[in-house]
PDB file of all heavy atoms in Angstrom:
ATOM      1  N   LYS A   1       0.818  -1.221   0.000  1.00  0.00           N
ATOM      2  CA  LYS A   1       0.000   0.000   0.000  1.00  0.00           C
ATOM      3  C   LYS A   1       0.851   1.269   0.000  1.00  0.00           C
ATOM      4  O   LYS A   1       0.338   2.370  -0.200  1.00  0.00           O
ATOM      5  CB  LYS A   1      -0.951  -0.013   1.194  1.00  0.00           C
ATOM      6  CG  LYS A   1      -2.018  -1.098   1.102  1.00  0.00           C
ATOM      7  CD  LYS A   1      -2.875  -1.160   2.352  1.00  0.00           C
ATOM      8  CE  LYS A   1      -3.960  -2.221   2.220  1.00  0.00           C
ATOM      9  NZ  LYS A   1      -3.433  -3.586   2.091  1.00  0.00           N
ATOM     10  N   ALA A   2       2.169   1.118   0.219  1.00  0.00           N
ATOM     11  CA  ALA A   2       3.072   2.271   0.164  1.00  0.00           C
ATOM     12  C   ALA A   2       3.396   2.665  -1.270  1.00  0.00           C
ATOM     13  O   ALA A   2       3.944   3.735  -1.514  1.00  0.00           O
ATOM     14  CB  ALA A   2       4.373   1.950   0.911  1.00  0.00           C
ATOM     15  N   VAL A   3       3.069   1.798  -2.224  1.00  0.00           N
ATOM     16  CA  VAL A   3       3.333   2.088  -3.636  1.00  0.00           C
ATOM     17  C   VAL A   3       2.198   2.920  -4.197  1.00  0.00           C
ATOM     18  O   VAL A   3       1.035   2.513  -4.164  1.00  0.00           O
ATOM     19  CB  VAL A   3       3.455   0.777  -4.443  1.00  0.00           C
ATOM     20  CG1 VAL A   3       3.851   1.087  -5.877  1.00  0.00           C
ATOM     21  CG2 VAL A   3       4.458  -0.158  -3.808  1.00  0.00           C
ATOM     22  N   ASN A   4       2.531   4.112  -4.701  1.00  0.00           N
ATOM     23  CA  ASN A   4       1.503   5.014  -5.235  1.00  0.00           C
ATOM     24  C   ASN A   4       0.284   5.041  -4.301  1.00  0.00           C
ATOM     25  O   ASN A   4      -0.829   4.692  -4.702  1.00  0.00           O
ATOM     26  CB  ASN A   4       1.078   4.574  -6.638  1.00  0.00           C
ATOM     27  CG  ASN A   4       2.239   4.589  -7.607  1.00  0.00           C
ATOM     28  OD1 ASN A   4       3.067   5.488  -7.590  1.00  0.00           O
ATOM     29  ND2 ASN A   4       2.309   3.582  -8.464  1.00  0.00           N
ATOM     30  N   PRO A   5       0.467   5.440  -3.045  1.00  0.00           N
ATOM     31  CA  PRO A   5      -0.608   5.315  -2.055  1.00  0.00           C
ATOM     32  C   PRO A   5      -1.858   6.103  -2.422  1.00  0.00           C
ATOM     33  O   PRO A   5      -1.787   7.196  -2.987  1.00  0.00           O
ATOM     34  CB  PRO A   5       0.028   5.873  -0.772  1.00  0.00           C
ATOM     35  CG  PRO A   5       1.193   6.682  -1.221  1.00  0.00           C
ATOM     36  CD  PRO A   5       1.681   6.059  -2.474  1.00  0.00           C
ATOM     37  N   THR A   6      -3.004   5.500  -2.085  1.00  0.00           N
ATOM     38  CA  THR A   6      -4.293   6.160  -2.323  1.00  0.00           C
ATOM     39  C   THR A   6      -5.008   6.462  -1.015  1.00  0.00           C
ATOM     40  O   THR A   6      -6.156   6.905  -1.024  1.00  0.00           O
ATOM     41  CB  THR A   6      -5.196   5.273  -3.201  1.00  0.00           C
ATOM     42  OG1 THR A   6      -5.333   3.988  -2.578  1.00  0.00           O
ATOM     43  CG2 THR A   6      -4.628   5.100  -4.595  1.00  0.00           C
ATOM     44  N   ASN A   7      -4.338   6.203   0.109  1.00  0.00           N
ATOM     45  CA  ASN A   7      -4.947   6.499   1.407  1.00  0.00           C
ATOM     46  C   ASN A   7      -3.859   6.865   2.417  1.00  0.00           C
ATOM     47  O   ASN A   7      -2.672   6.702   2.145  1.00  0.00           O
ATOM     48  CB  ASN A   7      -5.780   5.307   1.900  1.00  0.00           C
ATOM     49  CG  ASN A   7      -4.983   4.018   1.915  1.00  0.00           C
ATOM     50  OD1 ASN A   7      -3.873   3.975   2.440  1.00  0.00           O
ATOM     51  ND2 ASN A   7      -5.529   2.961   1.337  1.00  0.00           N
ATOM     52  N   ILE A   8      -4.307   7.367   3.567  1.00  0.00           N
ATOM     53  CA  ILE A   8      -3.378   7.821   4.604  1.00  0.00           C
ATOM     54  C   ILE A   8      -2.482   6.682   5.091  1.00  0.00           C
ATOM     55  O   ILE A   8      -1.285   6.856   5.315  1.00  0.00           O
ATOM     56  CB  ILE A   8      -4.150   8.435   5.794  1.00  0.00           C
ATOM     57  CG1 ILE A   8      -4.617   9.850   5.440  1.00  0.00           C
ATOM     58  CG2 ILE A   8      -3.290   8.488   7.046  1.00  0.00           C
ATOM     59  CD1 ILE A   8      -3.531  10.902   5.452  1.00  0.00           C
ATOM     60  N   MET A   9      -3.072   5.492   5.271  1.00  0.00           N
ATOM     61  CA  MET A   9      -2.275   4.365   5.764  1.00  0.00           C
ATOM     62  C   MET A   9      -1.088   4.120   4.844  1.00  0.00           C
ATOM     63  O   MET A   9       0.059   4.019   5.299  1.00  0.00           O
ATOM     64  CB  MET A   9      -3.153   3.111   5.867  1.00  0.00           C
ATOM     65  CG  MET A   9      -2.450   1.916   6.509  1.00  0.00           C
ATOM     66  SD  MET A   9      -1.480   0.950   5.339  1.00  0.00           S
ATOM     67  CE  MET A   9      -1.208  -0.529   6.261  1.00  0.00           C
ATOM     68  N   GLY A  10      -1.344   4.006   3.537  1.00  0.00           N
ATOM     69  CA  GLY A  10      -0.266   3.769   2.586  1.00  0.00           C
ATOM     70  C   GLY A  10       0.738   4.910   2.561  1.00  0.00           C
ATOM     71  O   GLY A  10       1.951   4.686   2.475  1.00  0.00           O
ATOM     72  N   ALA A  11       0.241   6.140   2.663  1.00  0.00           N
ATOM     73  CA  ALA A  11       1.119   7.310   2.633  1.00  0.00           C
ATOM     74  C   ALA A  11       2.029   7.343   3.869  1.00  0.00           C
ATOM     75  O   ALA A  11       3.205   7.706   3.783  1.00  0.00           O
ATOM     76  CB  ALA A  11       0.298   8.591   2.548  1.00  0.00           C
ATOM     77  N   THR A  12       1.482   6.953   5.035  1.00  0.00           N
ATOM     78  CA  THR A  12       2.324   6.938   6.237  1.00  0.00           C
ATOM     79  C   THR A  12       3.396   5.862   6.130  1.00  0.00           C
ATOM     80  O   THR A  12       4.526   6.052   6.580  1.00  0.00           O
ATOM     81  CB  THR A  12       1.507   6.716   7.524  1.00  0.00           C
ATOM     82  OG1 THR A  12       0.808   5.472   7.465  1.00  0.00           O
ATOM     83  CG2 THR A  12       0.523   7.847   7.753  1.00  0.00           C
ATOM     84  N   LYS A  13       3.059   4.727   5.530  1.00  0.00           N
ATOM     85  CA  LYS A  13       4.058   3.663   5.386  1.00  0.00           C
ATOM     86  C   LYS A  13       5.147   4.068   4.393  1.00  0.00           C
ATOM     87  O   LYS A  13       6.317   3.743   4.578  1.00  0.00           O
ATOM     88  CB  LYS A  13       3.379   2.352   4.950  1.00  0.00           C
ATOM     89  CG  LYS A  13       2.479   1.755   6.018  1.00  0.00           C
ATOM     90  CD  LYS A  13       3.227   1.378   7.289  1.00  0.00           C
ATOM     91  CE  LYS A  13       3.932   0.055   7.164  1.00  0.00           C
ATOM     92  NZ  LYS A  13       4.528  -0.394   8.452  1.00  0.00           N
ATOM     93  N   ARG A  14       4.780   4.787   3.337  1.00  0.00           N
ATOM     94  CA  ARG A  14       5.804   5.302   2.424  1.00  0.00           C
ATOM     95  C   ARG A  14       6.685   6.316   3.156  1.00  0.00           C
ATOM     96  O   ARG A  14       7.910   6.350   2.956  1.00  0.00           O
ATOM     97  CB  ARG A  14       5.152   5.938   1.193  1.00  0.00           C
ATOM     98  CG  ARG A  14       6.144   6.543   0.207  1.00  0.00           C
ATOM     99  CD  ARG A  14       7.139   5.526  -0.310  1.00  0.00           C
ATOM    100  NE  ARG A  14       8.181   6.130  -1.150  1.00  0.00           N
ATOM    101  CZ  ARG A  14       9.424   5.701  -1.224  1.00  0.00           C
ATOM    102  NH1 ARG A  14       9.810   4.648  -0.518  1.00  0.00           N
ATOM    103  NH2 ARG A  14      10.298   6.303  -2.007  1.00  0.00           N
ATOM    104  N   SER A  15       6.084   7.119   4.028  1.00  0.00           N
ATOM    105  CA  SER A  15       6.860   8.066   4.832  1.00  0.00           C
ATOM    106  C   SER A  15       7.852   7.327   5.722  1.00  0.00           C
ATOM    107  O   SER A  15       9.006   7.758   5.878  1.00  0.00           O
ATOM    108  CB  SER A  15       5.927   8.912   5.708  1.00  0.00           C
ATOM    109  OG  SER A  15       5.009   9.638   4.921  1.00  0.00           O
ATOM    110  N   CYS A  16       7.416   6.202   6.297  1.00  0.00           N
ATOM    111  CA  CYS A  16       8.311   5.391   7.127  1.00  0.00           C
ATOM    112  C   CYS A  16       9.493   4.898   6.305  1.00  0.00           C
ATOM    113  O   CYS A  16      10.635   4.884   6.790  1.00  0.00           O
ATOM    114  CB  CYS A  16       7.563   4.198   7.709  1.00  0.00           C
ATOM    115  SG  CYS A  16       6.279   4.631   8.888  1.00  0.00           S
ATOM    116  N   GLU A  17       9.245   4.489   5.066  1.00  0.00           N
ATOM    117  CA  GLU A  17      10.327   4.048   4.191  1.00  0.00           C
ATOM    118  C   GLU A  17      11.334   5.171   3.968  1.00  0.00           C
ATOM    119  O   GLU A  17      12.548   4.958   3.987  1.00  0.00           O
ATOM    120  CB  GLU A  17       9.763   3.572   2.853  1.00  0.00           C
ATOM    121  CG  GLU A  17       8.917   2.308   2.954  1.00  0.00           C
ATOM    122  CD  GLU A  17       8.344   1.860   1.619  1.00  0.00           C
ATOM    123  OE1 GLU A  17       8.514   2.599   0.612  1.00  0.00           O
ATOM    124  OE2 GLU A  17       7.727   0.790   1.560  1.00  0.00           O
ATOM    125  N   LEU A  18      10.826   6.387   3.752  1.00  0.00           N
ATOM    126  CA  LEU A  18      11.708   7.539   3.534  1.00  0.00           C
ATOM    127  C   LEU A  18      12.546   7.821   4.781  1.00  0.00           C
ATOM    128  O   LEU A  18      13.736   8.148   4.679  1.00  0.00           O
ATOM    129  CB  LEU A  18      10.874   8.772   3.169  1.00  0.00           C
ATOM    130  CG  LEU A  18      10.086   8.702   1.859  1.00  0.00           C
ATOM    131  CD1 LEU A  18       9.213   9.939   1.695  1.00  0.00           C
ATOM    132  CD2 LEU A  18      11.013   8.546   0.666  1.00  0.00           C
ATOM    133  N   ILE A  19      11.919   7.703   5.954  1.00  0.00           N
ATOM    134  CA  ILE A  19      12.641   7.928   7.210  1.00  0.00           C
ATOM    135  C   ILE A  19      13.772   6.912   7.368  1.00  0.00           C
ATOM    136  O   ILE A  19      14.904   7.268   7.722  1.00  0.00           O
ATOM    137  CB  ILE A  19      11.669   7.847   8.412  1.00  0.00           C
ATOM    138  CG1 ILE A  19      10.740   9.069   8.417  1.00  0.00           C
ATOM    139  CG2 ILE A  19      12.419   7.737   9.734  1.00  0.00           C
ATOM    140  CD1 ILE A  19       9.567   8.955   9.375  1.00  0.00           C
ATOM    141  N   ILE A  20      13.472   5.653   7.085  1.00  0.00           N
ATOM    142  CA  ILE A  20      14.467   4.588   7.223  1.00  0.00           C
ATOM    143  C   ILE A  20      15.619   4.786   6.234  1.00  0.00           C
ATOM    144  O   ILE A  20      16.796   4.625   6.586  1.00  0.00           O
ATOM    145  CB  ILE A  20      13.798   3.212   7.024  1.00  0.00           C
ATOM    146  CG1 ILE A  20      12.872   2.896   8.199  1.00  0.00           C
ATOM    147  CG2 ILE A  20      14.831   2.106   6.848  1.00  0.00           C
ATOM    148  CD1 ILE A  20      13.531   2.973   9.560  1.00  0.00           C
ATOM    149  N   GLU A  21      15.289   5.145   5.004  1.00  0.00           N
ATOM    150  CA  GLU A  21      16.336   5.388   4.003  1.00  0.00           C
ATOM    151  C   GLU A  21      17.230   6.541   4.439  1.00  0.00           C
ATOM    152  O   GLU A  21      18.452   6.507   4.269  1.00  0.00           O
ATOM    153  CB  GLU A  21      15.697   5.697   2.641  1.00  0.00           C
ATOM    154  CG  GLU A  21      14.953   4.535   2.012  1.00  0.00           C
ATOM    155  CD  GLU A  21      15.861   3.391   1.610  1.00  0.00           C
ATOM    156  OE1 GLU A  21      17.024   3.642   1.279  1.00  0.00           O
ATOM    157  OE2 GLU A  21      15.403   2.230   1.639  1.00  0.00           O
ATOM    158  N   SER A  22      16.626   7.578   5.018  1.00  0.00           N
ATOM    159  CA  SER A  22      17.386   8.732   5.477  1.00  0.00           C
ATOM    160  C   SER A  22      18.293   8.359   6.652  1.00  0.00           C
ATOM    161  O   SER A  22      19.461   8.759   6.705  1.00  0.00           O
ATOM    162  CB  SER A  22      16.422   9.851   5.891  1.00  0.00           C
ATOM    163  OG  SER A  22      17.108  10.909   6.503  1.00  0.00           O
ATOM    164  N   MET A  23      17.758   7.589   7.601  1.00  0.00           N
ATOM    165  CA  MET A  23      18.546   7.199   8.778  1.00  0.00           C
ATOM    166  C   MET A  23      19.728   6.321   8.399  1.00  0.00           C
ATOM    167  O   MET A  23      20.788   6.377   9.032  1.00  0.00           O
ATOM    168  CB  MET A  23      17.649   6.478   9.791  1.00  0.00           C
ATOM    169  CG  MET A  23      16.706   7.402  10.524  1.00  0.00           C
ATOM    170  SD  MET A  23      15.815   6.579  11.853  1.00  0.00           S
ATOM    171  CE  MET A  23      15.139   8.022  12.713  1.00  0.00           C
ATOM    172  N   ASN A  24      19.551   5.502   7.379  1.00  0.00           N
ATOM    173  CA  ASN A  24      20.632   4.602   6.980  1.00  0.00           C
ATOM    174  C   ASN A  24      21.866   5.372   6.517  1.00  0.00           C
ATOM    175  O   ASN A  24      22.993   4.892   6.639  1.00  0.00           O
ATOM    176  CB  ASN A  24      20.151   3.664   5.866  1.00  0.00           C
ATOM    177  CG  ASN A  24      21.184   2.623   5.517  1.00  0.00           C
ATOM    178  OD1 ASN A  24      21.468   1.728   6.300  1.00  0.00           O
ATOM    179  ND2 ASN A  24      21.778   2.756   4.331  1.00  0.00           N
TER     180      ASN A  24
END
């Protein structure tokens, strides 16, 4: 659901991916 998200849940999970990539 993080791929091309159409809802808040998917958008928050994509945000989590961005946070993890940044922290790495």
